[in-house]
Structures are given as C-alpha cells and as structure tokens.
Amino acid sequence: TEGLNTYRIHPILMSDRNANDLFENLQRKKDCGEPLTKEDLVPLTLSLLMGGAMPMEDRVTQTFRYLQEEPLEKEDQRNLEALTYALATKFLDQSAMKKLEGMIKMTELGQMLYNDGLADGIAQSILSIARNLLGSVSDEFIIEKTGITPEQLQELKEEKASADKVP
C-alpha cells in the first residue's frame, strides 16, 4: 500500500503454459480456414518463456513464419517481430541465431536492422575520414565535404588531442 493506492501482484508463470498447445491451436484454427488475429499472434512472442517439448529454435522459426503469413498492421508486425527477436537473443545460442538470420532478414525488422547498421557504418566512415583530415585541411573544408557538424568536429579534435597526450 502506498498512500491511497494498493498494489496487488499476481505472478503469471509462463513455464506452466505449453508452447506446443499454443502452436497446435493456431494451426488447427488456420486449417479450418479461420483468419488469425493479433490476439492469436501476440502469445507467440512469449512462447520462448513457456514450457513444452518443442525446441526453442522451432518456436522462433514458427513465430516468424506466422507473423510473416498473417495480415497485420505494419507497426504491430514490427513490434511482435522485435519482441520475438529480443527474446530469441536471450534464449538461443549463436549457432541457432545464425540459422534464423536468413528468415529475419526477410522481415521488416530485418530490413530495419540492416538499414540501421548501414547508416551506422556510413556515419562511422564519415567520422573516420574527418578524423584523418584533421590538421591537413581547414575545419571549414572538413565540415563542408563530410557534412559533420562543428560540434562533431570539435569532439574529433578533443579525441585526437587526448590520444596525442597518451605516451
């Protein structure tokens, strides 16, 4: 109890639920020709926390397959994929994640991760070029040609000054 508010905690143990049953029920519904709804698909993201005999890698693979096949709003699909991916990184080893890489690349989440990585790589390359130009050309030239901000240039100068001081 805190002031006027009383909080009650009701733990929900996902390990008591069976992931196999979840996937079987979804497949049965799909086989009957019923469309799967967002409410049907959300529990899939928690399947890695559930009990059951199905291997973790299969749970992630099937979750991504369902998310790709079913018509969802783009934002909902990205959010469900992101949650599934985040949990997969916690529960699967590197070799299993490598196997899933191809499937994830085909999703919108995969495209977003690729684009973010590409943008980060380009930004790091630009900063590296600017760093290499320091002392060789004017600050204005570096800013004009690389597109970095004066603040970023100042940070690069400070980094270089710190590196030069270290014996």
C-alpha atoms as a PDB file:
ATOM      1  CA  THR A   1       0.000   0.000   0.000  1.00  0.00           C
ATOM      2  CA  GLU A   2       1.315   3.424  -0.950  1.00  0.00           C
ATOM      3  CA  GLY A   3      -0.881   6.324   0.126  1.00  0.00           C
ATOM      4  CA  LEU A   4      -4.354   5.779  -1.247  1.00  0.00           C
ATOM      5  CA  ASN A   5      -3.170   3.137  -3.721  1.00  0.00           C
ATOM      6  CA  THR A   6      -2.975  -0.556  -3.007  1.00  0.00           C
ATOM      7  CA  TYR A   7      -0.966  -2.664  -5.435  1.00  0.00           C
ATOM      8  CA  ARG A   8      -1.512  -6.377  -5.787  1.00  0.00           C
ATOM      9  CA  ILE A   9       0.954  -8.565  -7.600  1.00  0.00           C
ATOM     10  CA  HIS A  10      -0.339 -11.638  -9.373  1.00  0.00           C
ATOM     11  CA  PRO A  11       2.599 -13.573 -10.807  1.00  0.00           C
ATOM     12  CA  ILE A  12       1.962 -15.251 -14.114  1.00  0.00           C
ATOM     13  CA  LEU A  13       4.238 -18.234 -14.647  1.00  0.00           C
ATOM     14  CA  MET A  14       4.662 -18.752 -18.361  1.00  0.00           C
ATOM     15  CA  SER A  15       6.524 -22.017 -17.778  1.00  0.00           C
ATOM     16  CA  ASP A  16       3.196 -23.510 -16.673  1.00  0.00           C
ATOM     17  CA  ARG A  17       1.806 -22.935 -20.166  1.00  0.00           C
ATOM     18  CA  ASN A  18       2.577 -25.271 -23.038  1.00  0.00           C
ATOM     19  CA  ALA A  19       4.023 -23.801 -26.235  1.00  0.00           C
ATOM     20  CA  ASN A  20       3.154 -26.977 -28.138  1.00  0.00           C
ATOM     21  CA  ASP A  21      -0.540 -26.478 -27.361  1.00  0.00           C
ATOM     22  CA  LEU A  22      -0.343 -22.855 -28.472  1.00  0.00           C
ATOM     23  CA  PHE A  23       1.121 -23.742 -31.873  1.00  0.00           C
ATOM     24  CA  GLU A  24      -1.269 -26.685 -32.320  1.00  0.00           C
ATOM     25  CA  ASN A  25      -4.299 -24.478 -31.602  1.00  0.00           C
ATOM     26  CA  LEU A  26      -3.101 -21.861 -34.089  1.00  0.00           C
ATOM     27  CA  GLN A  27      -2.509 -24.488 -36.761  1.00  0.00           C
ATOM     28  CA  ARG A  28      -5.934 -26.041 -36.127  1.00  0.00           C
ATOM     29  CA  LYS A  29      -7.587 -22.621 -36.458  1.00  0.00           C
ATOM     30  CA  LYS A  30      -5.660 -21.953 -39.667  1.00  0.00           C
ATOM     31  CA  ASP A  31      -6.539 -25.400 -41.078  1.00  0.00           C
ATOM     32  CA  CYS A  32     -10.224 -24.606 -40.501  1.00  0.00           C
ATOM     33  CA  GLY A  33      -9.797 -21.516 -42.663  1.00  0.00           C
ATOM     34  CA  GLU A  34     -10.207 -19.059 -39.809  1.00  0.00           C
ATOM     35  CA  PRO A  35      -8.016 -15.966 -40.029  1.00  0.00           C
ATOM     36  CA  LEU A  36      -5.548 -15.474 -37.193  1.00  0.00           C
ATOM     37  CA  THR A  37      -5.955 -12.214 -35.328  1.00  0.00           C
ATOM     38  CA  LYS A  38      -3.468 -10.060 -33.477  1.00  0.00           C
ATOM     39  CA  GLU A  39      -4.840 -11.545 -30.253  1.00  0.00           C
ATOM     40  CA  ASP A  40      -3.962 -15.012 -31.564  1.00  0.00           C
ATOM     41  CA  LEU A  41      -0.432 -13.984 -32.556  1.00  0.00           C
ATOM     42  CA  VAL A  42       0.672 -11.961 -29.518  1.00  0.00           C
ATOM     43  CA  PRO A  43       1.080 -15.063 -27.282  1.00  0.00           C
ATOM     44  CA  LEU A  44       3.535 -16.445 -29.857  1.00  0.00           C
ATOM     45  CA  THR A  45       6.073 -13.844 -28.798  1.00  0.00           C
ATOM     46  CA  LEU A  46       6.037 -15.347 -25.300  1.00  0.00           C
ATOM     47  CA  SER A  47       6.372 -18.957 -26.479  1.00  0.00           C
ATOM     48  CA  LEU A  48      10.069 -18.966 -25.535  1.00  0.00           C
ATOM     49  CA  LEU A  49       9.061 -18.443 -21.926  1.00  0.00           C
ATOM     50  CA  MET A  50       6.600 -21.338 -21.963  1.00  0.00           C
ATOM     51  CA  GLY A  51       7.113 -24.990 -21.210  1.00  0.00           C
ATOM     52  CA  GLY A  52       6.708 -27.731 -23.784  1.00  0.00           C
ATOM     53  CA  ALA A  53       8.759 -30.180 -25.793  1.00  0.00           C
ATOM     54  CA  MET A  54       9.130 -28.012 -28.911  1.00  0.00           C
ATOM     55  CA  PRO A  55      12.751 -26.825 -29.286  1.00  0.00           C
ATOM     56  CA  MET A  56      13.317 -23.090 -28.796  1.00  0.00           C
ATOM     57  CA  GLU A  57      14.656 -22.656 -32.323  1.00  0.00           C
ATOM     58  CA  ASP A  58      11.476 -24.171 -33.777  1.00  0.00           C
ATOM     59  CA  ARG A  59       9.339 -21.842 -31.660  1.00  0.00           C
ATOM     60  CA  VAL A  60      11.131 -18.782 -33.025  1.00  0.00           C
ATOM     61  CA  THR A  61      11.026 -20.077 -36.596  1.00  0.00           C
ATOM     62  CA  GLN A  62       7.306 -20.814 -36.444  1.00  0.00           C
ATOM     63  CA  THR A  63       6.574 -17.483 -34.751  1.00  0.00           C
ATOM     64  CA  PHE A  64       8.318 -15.575 -37.545  1.00  0.00           C
ATOM     65  CA  ARG A  65       6.530 -17.713 -40.148  1.00  0.00           C
ATOM     66  CA  TYR A  66       3.119 -16.918 -38.647  1.00  0.00           C
ATOM     67  CA  LEU A  67       3.959 -13.221 -38.344  1.00  0.00           C
ATOM     68  CA  GLN A  68       5.003 -13.094 -41.985  1.00  0.00           C
ATOM     69  CA  GLU A  69       1.976 -15.005 -43.282  1.00  0.00           C
ATOM     70  CA  GLU A  70      -0.779 -13.246 -41.394  1.00  0.00           C
ATOM     71  CA  PRO A  71      -2.019  -9.785 -42.393  1.00  0.00           C
ATOM     72  CA  LEU A  72      -1.142  -7.380 -39.587  1.00  0.00           C
ATOM     73  CA  GLU A  73      -0.652  -3.669 -39.423  1.00  0.00           C
ATOM     74  CA  LYS A  74       2.991  -2.867 -40.185  1.00  0.00           C
ATOM     75  CA  GLU A  75       3.674  -1.392 -36.755  1.00  0.00           C
ATOM     76  CA  ASP A  76       2.122  -4.373 -34.962  1.00  0.00           C
ATOM     77  CA  GLN A  77       4.131  -6.773 -37.093  1.00  0.00           C
ATOM     78  CA  ARG A  78       7.393  -4.893 -36.426  1.00  0.00           C
ATOM     79  CA  ASN A  79       6.696  -4.796 -32.681  1.00  0.00           C
ATOM     80  CA  LEU A  80       5.908  -8.521 -32.497  1.00  0.00           C
ATOM     81  CA  GLU A  81       8.972  -9.368 -34.587  1.00  0.00           C
ATOM     82  CA  ALA A  82      11.180  -7.136 -32.418  1.00  0.00           C
ATOM     83  CA  LEU A  83       9.939  -8.764 -29.219  1.00  0.00           C
ATOM     84  CA  THR A  84      10.439 -12.240 -30.648  1.00  0.00           C
ATOM     85  CA  TYR A  85      13.939 -11.316 -31.814  1.00  0.00           C
ATOM     86  CA  ALA A  86      14.838  -9.818 -28.418  1.00  0.00           C
ATOM     87  CA  LEU A  87      13.728 -12.969 -26.600  1.00  0.00           C
ATOM     88  CA  ALA A  88      15.480 -15.186 -29.151  1.00  0.00           C
ATOM     89  CA  THR A  89      18.788 -13.436 -28.478  1.00  0.00           C
ATOM     90  CA  LYS A  90      18.355 -14.281 -24.789  1.00  0.00           C
ATOM     91  CA  PHE A  91      17.387 -17.929 -25.202  1.00  0.00           C
ATOM     92  CA  LEU A  92      19.181 -19.155 -28.332  1.00  0.00           C
ATOM     93  CA  ASP A  93      22.881 -19.704 -28.827  1.00  0.00           C
ATOM     94  CA  GLN A  94      24.883 -18.074 -31.623  1.00  0.00           C
ATOM     95  CA  SER A  95      24.640 -21.035 -33.998  1.00  0.00           C
ATOM     96  CA  ALA A  96      20.842 -21.105 -33.695  1.00  0.00           C
ATOM     97  CA  MET A  97      20.691 -17.336 -34.240  1.00  0.00           C
ATOM     98  CA  LYS A  98      22.818 -17.719 -37.390  1.00  0.00           C
ATOM     99  CA  LYS A  99      20.307 -20.238 -38.762  1.00  0.00           C
ATOM    100  CA  LEU A 100      17.479 -17.790 -38.139  1.00  0.00           C
ATOM    101  CA  GLU A 101      19.353 -14.898 -39.732  1.00  0.00           C
ATOM    102  CA  GLY A 102      18.038 -15.629 -43.217  1.00  0.00           C
ATOM    103  CA  MET A 103      14.438 -15.694 -42.032  1.00  0.00           C
ATOM    104  CA  ILE A 104      14.855 -12.488 -40.019  1.00  0.00           C
ATOM    105  CA  LYS A 105      16.468 -10.702 -42.984  1.00  0.00           C
ATOM    106  CA  MET A 106      13.255 -11.193 -44.939  1.00  0.00           C
ATOM    107  CA  THR A 107      11.140  -9.403 -42.345  1.00  0.00           C
ATOM    108  CA  GLU A 108      10.591  -5.690 -41.943  1.00  0.00           C
ATOM    109  CA  LEU A 109      12.526  -5.908 -38.713  1.00  0.00           C
ATOM    110  CA  GLY A 110      15.452  -7.416 -40.600  1.00  0.00           C
ATOM    111  CA  GLN A 111      15.326  -4.625 -43.149  1.00  0.00           C
ATOM    112  CA  MET A 112      15.249  -2.027 -40.364  1.00  0.00           C
ATOM    113  CA  LEU A 113      18.232  -3.666 -38.611  1.00  0.00           C
ATOM    114  CA  TYR A 114      20.126  -3.756 -41.906  1.00  0.00           C
ATOM    115  CA  ASN A 115      19.352  -0.115 -42.657  1.00  0.00           C
ATOM    116  CA  ASP A 116      20.361   0.951 -39.146  1.00  0.00           C
ATOM    117  CA  GLY A 117      23.623  -0.983 -39.427  1.00  0.00           C
ATOM    118  CA  LEU A 118      24.295   0.500 -42.841  1.00  0.00           C
ATOM    119  CA  ALA A 119      23.596   4.020 -41.588  1.00  0.00           C
ATOM    120  CA  ASP A 120      25.861   3.461 -38.556  1.00  0.00           C
ATOM    121  CA  GLY A 121      28.625   2.140 -40.805  1.00  0.00           C
ATOM    122  CA  ILE A 122      28.370   5.120 -43.129  1.00  0.00           C
ATOM    123  CA  ALA A 123      28.380   7.539 -40.190  1.00  0.00           C
ATOM    124  CA  GLN A 124      31.475   5.846 -38.728  1.00  0.00           C
ATOM    125  CA  SER A 125      33.214   6.019 -42.108  1.00  0.00           C
ATOM    126  CA  ILE A 126      32.470   9.716 -42.433  1.00  0.00           C
ATOM    127  CA  LEU A 127      33.820  10.377 -38.940  1.00  0.00           C
ATOM    128  CA  SER A 128      36.933   8.349 -39.771  1.00  0.00           C
ATOM    129  CA  ILE A 129      37.517  10.392 -42.921  1.00  0.00           C
ATOM    130  CA  ALA A 130      37.043  13.640 -40.980  1.00  0.00           C
ATOM    131  CA  ARG A 131      39.436  12.380 -38.281  1.00  0.00           C
ATOM    132  CA  ASN A 132      42.075  11.636 -40.926  1.00  0.00           C
ATOM    133  CA  LEU A 133      41.691  15.107 -42.457  1.00  0.00           C
ATOM    134  CA  LEU A 134      42.308  16.894 -39.153  1.00  0.00           C
ATOM    135  CA  GLY A 135      45.407  19.066 -39.362  1.00  0.00           C
ATOM    136  CA  SER A 136      45.702  18.602 -43.136  1.00  0.00           C
ATOM    137  CA  VAL A 137      42.912  20.897 -44.309  1.00  0.00           C
ATOM    138  CA  SER A 138      40.793  23.655 -42.817  1.00  0.00           C
ATOM    139  CA  ASP A 139      37.937  22.953 -40.424  1.00  0.00           C
ATOM    140  CA  GLU A 140      35.514  24.554 -42.861  1.00  0.00           C
ATOM    141  CA  PHE A 141      36.629  22.212 -45.636  1.00  0.00           C
ATOM    142  CA  ILE A 142      36.129  19.151 -43.406  1.00  0.00           C
ATOM    143  CA  ILE A 143      32.644  20.314 -42.392  1.00  0.00           C
ATOM    144  CA  GLU A 144      31.690  21.148 -45.976  1.00  0.00           C
ATOM    145  CA  LYS A 145      32.934  17.923 -47.543  1.00  0.00           C
ATOM    146  CA  THR A 146      31.924  15.422 -44.851  1.00  0.00           C
ATOM    147  CA  GLY A 147      28.704  17.032 -43.671  1.00  0.00           C
ATOM    148  CA  ILE A 148      29.594  16.683 -39.996  1.00  0.00           C
ATOM    149  CA  THR A 149      28.558  19.378 -37.552  1.00  0.00           C
ATOM    150  CA  PRO A 150      31.006  21.815 -35.936  1.00  0.00           C
ATOM    151  CA  GLU A 151      30.245  20.065 -32.631  1.00  0.00           C
ATOM    152  CA  GLN A 152      31.244  16.691 -34.069  1.00  0.00           C
ATOM    153  CA  LEU A 153      34.437  18.234 -35.447  1.00  0.00           C
ATOM    154  CA  GLN A 154      35.240  19.663 -32.029  1.00  0.00           C
ATOM    155  CA  GLU A 155      34.721  16.221 -30.457  1.00  0.00           C
ATOM    156  CA  LEU A 156      37.095  14.689 -33.005  1.00  0.00           C
ATOM    157  CA  LYS A 157      39.710  17.342 -32.199  1.00  0.00           C
ATOM    158  CA  GLU A 158      39.358  16.635 -28.488  1.00  0.00           C
ATOM    159  CA  GLU A 159      39.694  12.885 -29.093  1.00  0.00           C
ATOM    160  CA  LYS A 160      42.822  13.477 -31.152  1.00  0.00           C
ATOM    161  CA  ALA A 161      44.293  15.798 -28.515  1.00  0.00           C
ATOM    162  CA  SER A 162      43.654  13.170 -25.814  1.00  0.00           C
ATOM    163  CA  ALA A 163      45.198  10.425 -27.968  1.00  0.00           C
ATOM    164  CA  ASP A 164      48.252  12.581 -28.673  1.00  0.00           C
ATOM    165  CA  LYS A 165      48.828  13.129 -24.927  1.00  0.00           C
ATOM    166  CA  VAL A 166      48.879   9.408 -24.139  1.00  0.00           C
ATOM    167  CA  PRO A 167      52.523   8.148 -24.297  1.00  0.00           C
END
